[in-house]
Amino acid sequence: MLVDRVRVLGSDHPETLASRGNLAGWRGAAGDPVGAAAAGEEVLADFLRILGSDHPDTLVMRGNLAGWRGMAGDPAGAAAAFEEVLADFLRVLGSDHPDTLAARRSLDFWRNRAGLT
């Protein structure tokens, strides 16, 4: 599917970026959170370049990357990353948006895992 999206839509199309992010997520779900984080960093760089830092999809990708880092063994780093992305979700989408609420829950989860609560 990714190959087809690149061929038809191009490598910079938002749907192609979404497919790359999804593939990184499936990599993590398959037991390779380190690989998911590495792939997520590459995809995030393209989200930032193409969509910008305040685009909701970029913010979601930042949250996904933070979660993969936590699953890869860095819960304190994940908590710190969720603190940053939560502030941006609040600024861009507001306190009641579902993505903001999800980031807040993830921050609480990773703070707990890191022993920061």
C-alpha atoms as a PDB file:
ATOM      1  CA  MET A   1       0.000   0.000   0.000  1.00  0.00           C
ATOM      2  CA  LEU A   2       2.787   2.444   0.850  1.00  0.00           C
ATOM      3  CA  VAL A   3       4.495   1.783  -2.474  1.00  0.00           C
ATOM      4  CA  ASP A   4       1.222   2.516  -4.267  1.00  0.00           C
ATOM      5  CA  ARG A   5       0.662   5.721  -2.317  1.00  0.00           C
ATOM      6  CA  VAL A   6       4.149   6.950  -3.117  1.00  0.00           C
ATOM      7  CA  ARG A   7       3.643   6.088  -6.793  1.00  0.00           C
ATOM      8  CA  VAL A   8       0.200   7.684  -7.092  1.00  0.00           C
ATOM      9  CA  LEU A   9       0.300  10.521  -4.547  1.00  0.00           C
ATOM     10  CA  GLY A  10       4.005  11.172  -4.086  1.00  0.00           C
ATOM     11  CA  SER A  11       6.220  10.868  -1.044  1.00  0.00           C
ATOM     12  CA  ASP A  12       5.141  14.212   0.448  1.00  0.00           C
ATOM     13  CA  HIS A  13       1.388  13.665   0.317  1.00  0.00           C
ATOM     14  CA  PRO A  14      -0.309  13.640   3.757  1.00  0.00           C
ATOM     15  CA  GLU A  15      -1.852  10.211   3.083  1.00  0.00           C
ATOM     16  CA  THR A  16       1.592   8.825   2.278  1.00  0.00           C
ATOM     17  CA  LEU A  17       2.914  10.299   5.525  1.00  0.00           C
ATOM     18  CA  ALA A  18       0.007   8.738   7.401  1.00  0.00           C
ATOM     19  CA  SER A  19       0.803   5.343   5.886  1.00  0.00           C
ATOM     20  CA  ARG A  20       4.432   5.652   6.953  1.00  0.00           C
ATOM     21  CA  GLY A  21       3.347   6.588  10.476  1.00  0.00           C
ATOM     22  CA  ASN A  22       0.955   3.645  10.573  1.00  0.00           C
ATOM     23  CA  LEU A  23       3.694   1.273   9.455  1.00  0.00           C
ATOM     24  CA  ALA A  24       5.929   2.537  12.243  1.00  0.00           C
ATOM     25  CA  GLY A  25       3.097   1.925  14.691  1.00  0.00           C
ATOM     26  CA  TRP A  26       2.543  -1.614  13.461  1.00  0.00           C
ATOM     27  CA  ARG A  27       6.251  -2.227  13.846  1.00  0.00           C
ATOM     28  CA  GLY A  28       5.959  -1.260  17.497  1.00  0.00           C
ATOM     29  CA  ALA A  29       2.836  -3.368  17.943  1.00  0.00           C
ATOM     30  CA  ALA A  30       4.722  -6.331  16.474  1.00  0.00           C
ATOM     31  CA  GLY A  31       7.273  -6.073  19.269  1.00  0.00           C
ATOM     32  CA  ASP A  32       9.868  -3.673  17.916  1.00  0.00           C
ATOM     33  CA  PRO A  33       9.347  -0.379  19.763  1.00  0.00           C
ATOM     34  CA  VAL A  34      12.965   0.664  19.122  1.00  0.00           C
ATOM     35  CA  GLY A  35      12.422   0.251  15.379  1.00  0.00           C
ATOM     36  CA  ALA A  36       9.074   2.022  15.624  1.00  0.00           C
ATOM     37  CA  ALA A  37      10.725   4.970  17.370  1.00  0.00           C
ATOM     38  CA  ALA A  38      13.485   5.143  14.752  1.00  0.00           C
ATOM     39  CA  ALA A  39      10.954   5.038  11.905  1.00  0.00           C
ATOM     40  CA  GLY A  40       8.768   7.521  13.752  1.00  0.00           C
ATOM     41  CA  GLU A  41      11.612  10.015  14.013  1.00  0.00           C
ATOM     42  CA  GLU A  42      12.073   9.889  10.236  1.00  0.00           C
ATOM     43  CA  VAL A  43       8.361  10.300   9.600  1.00  0.00           C
ATOM     44  CA  LEU A  44       8.100  13.132  12.132  1.00  0.00           C
ATOM     45  CA  ALA A  45      10.847  15.056  10.338  1.00  0.00           C
ATOM     46  CA  ASP A  46       8.746  14.888   7.163  1.00  0.00           C
ATOM     47  CA  PHE A  47       5.521  15.822   9.001  1.00  0.00           C
ATOM     48  CA  LEU A  48       7.298  18.899  10.355  1.00  0.00           C
ATOM     49  CA  ARG A  49       8.719  19.821   6.947  1.00  0.00           C
ATOM     50  CA  ILE A  50       5.491  19.287   5.019  1.00  0.00           C
ATOM     51  CA  LEU A  51       2.654  20.058   7.444  1.00  0.00           C
ATOM     52  CA  GLY A  52       4.370  22.247  10.026  1.00  0.00           C
ATOM     53  CA  SER A  53       4.758  22.000  13.761  1.00  0.00           C
ATOM     54  CA  ASP A  54       1.195  23.007  14.667  1.00  0.00           C
ATOM     55  CA  HIS A  55      -0.674  20.688  12.316  1.00  0.00           C
ATOM     56  CA  PRO A  56      -2.832  18.235  14.297  1.00  0.00           C
ATOM     57  CA  ASP A  57      -1.361  15.244  12.444  1.00  0.00           C
ATOM     58  CA  THR A  58       2.137  16.398  13.388  1.00  0.00           C
ATOM     59  CA  LEU A  59       1.091  16.678  17.020  1.00  0.00           C
ATOM     60  CA  VAL A  60      -0.383  13.164  16.935  1.00  0.00           C
ATOM     61  CA  MET A  61       2.822  11.846  15.378  1.00  0.00           C
ATOM     62  CA  ARG A  62       4.830  13.472  18.178  1.00  0.00           C
ATOM     63  CA  GLY A  63       2.618  11.713  20.712  1.00  0.00           C
ATOM     64  CA  ASN A  64       3.001   8.395  18.927  1.00  0.00           C
ATOM     65  CA  LEU A  65       6.771   8.799  18.905  1.00  0.00           C
ATOM     66  CA  ALA A  66       6.783   9.610  22.618  1.00  0.00           C
ATOM     67  CA  GLY A  67       4.824   6.436  23.331  1.00  0.00           C
ATOM     68  CA  TRP A  68       7.191   4.294  21.276  1.00  0.00           C
ATOM     69  CA  ARG A  69      10.144   5.756  23.139  1.00  0.00           C
ATOM     70  CA  GLY A  70       8.477   4.830  26.399  1.00  0.00           C
ATOM     71  CA  MET A  71       7.798   1.310  25.183  1.00  0.00           C
ATOM     72  CA  ALA A  72      11.433   1.091  24.086  1.00  0.00           C
ATOM     73  CA  GLY A  73      12.511   1.578  27.694  1.00  0.00           C
ATOM     74  CA  ASP A  74      12.543   5.323  28.338  1.00  0.00           C
ATOM     75  CA  PRO A  75       9.419   6.105  30.382  1.00  0.00           C
ATOM     76  CA  ALA A  76      10.890   9.347  31.770  1.00  0.00           C
ATOM     77  CA  GLY A  77      11.707  10.514  28.241  1.00  0.00           C
ATOM     78  CA  ALA A  78       8.200   9.609  27.131  1.00  0.00           C
ATOM     79  CA  ALA A  79       6.728  11.607  30.011  1.00  0.00           C
ATOM     80  CA  ALA A  80       8.880  14.624  29.138  1.00  0.00           C
ATOM     81  CA  ALA A  81       7.877  14.393  25.478  1.00  0.00           C
ATOM     82  CA  PHE A  82       4.190  14.131  26.407  1.00  0.00           C
ATOM     83  CA  GLU A  83       4.518  17.227  28.614  1.00  0.00           C
ATOM     84  CA  GLU A  84       5.751  19.148  25.583  1.00  0.00           C
ATOM     85  CA  VAL A  85       3.213  17.812  23.121  1.00  0.00           C
ATOM     86  CA  LEU A  86       0.350  18.276  25.601  1.00  0.00           C
ATOM     87  CA  ALA A  87       1.217  21.973  25.876  1.00  0.00           C
ATOM     88  CA  ASP A  88       1.027  22.228  22.092  1.00  0.00           C
ATOM     89  CA  PHE A  89      -2.242  20.272  21.912  1.00  0.00           C
ATOM     90  CA  LEU A  90      -3.715  22.653  24.482  1.00  0.00           C
ATOM     91  CA  ARG A  91      -2.534  25.704  22.535  1.00  0.00           C
ATOM     92  CA  VAL A  92      -3.605  24.416  19.100  1.00  0.00           C
ATOM     93  CA  LEU A  93      -6.709  22.295  19.759  1.00  0.00           C
ATOM     94  CA  GLY A  94      -7.922  23.337  23.210  1.00  0.00           C
ATOM     95  CA  SER A  95      -8.452  21.451  26.440  1.00  0.00           C
ATOM     96  CA  ASP A  96     -11.541  19.469  25.395  1.00  0.00           C
ATOM     97  CA  HIS A  97     -10.307  18.051  22.098  1.00  0.00           C
ATOM     98  CA  PRO A  98     -10.091  14.230  22.094  1.00  0.00           C
ATOM     99  CA  ASP A  99      -6.416  14.300  21.048  1.00  0.00           C
ATOM    100  CA  THR A 100      -5.605  16.672  23.905  1.00  0.00           C
ATOM    101  CA  LEU A 101      -7.396  14.401  26.360  1.00  0.00           C
ATOM    102  CA  ALA A 102      -5.525  11.368  24.993  1.00  0.00           C
ATOM    103  CA  ALA A 103      -2.184  13.173  25.385  1.00  0.00           C
ATOM    104  CA  ARG A 104      -3.082  14.051  28.979  1.00  0.00           C
ATOM    105  CA  ARG A 105      -3.877  10.394  29.735  1.00  0.00           C
ATOM    106  CA  SER A 106      -0.630   9.289  28.100  1.00  0.00           C
ATOM    107  CA  LEU A 107       1.333  11.829  30.125  1.00  0.00           C
ATOM    108  CA  ASP A 108      -0.212  10.473  33.332  1.00  0.00           C
ATOM    109  CA  PHE A 109       0.541   6.901  32.251  1.00  0.00           C
ATOM    110  CA  TRP A 110       4.211   7.566  31.462  1.00  0.00           C
ATOM    111  CA  ARG A 111       4.721   9.688  34.577  1.00  0.00           C
ATOM    112  CA  ASN A 112       3.395   6.768  36.580  1.00  0.00           C
ATOM    113  CA  ARG A 113       5.617   4.255  34.734  1.00  0.00           C
ATOM    114  CA  ALA A 114       8.635   6.488  35.326  1.00  0.00           C
ATOM    115  CA  GLY A 115       7.807   6.869  39.024  1.00  0.00           C
ATOM    116  CA  LEU A 116       7.258  10.608  38.649  1.00  0.00           C
ATOM    117  CA  THR A 117       3.864  10.757  40.373  1.00  0.00           C
END
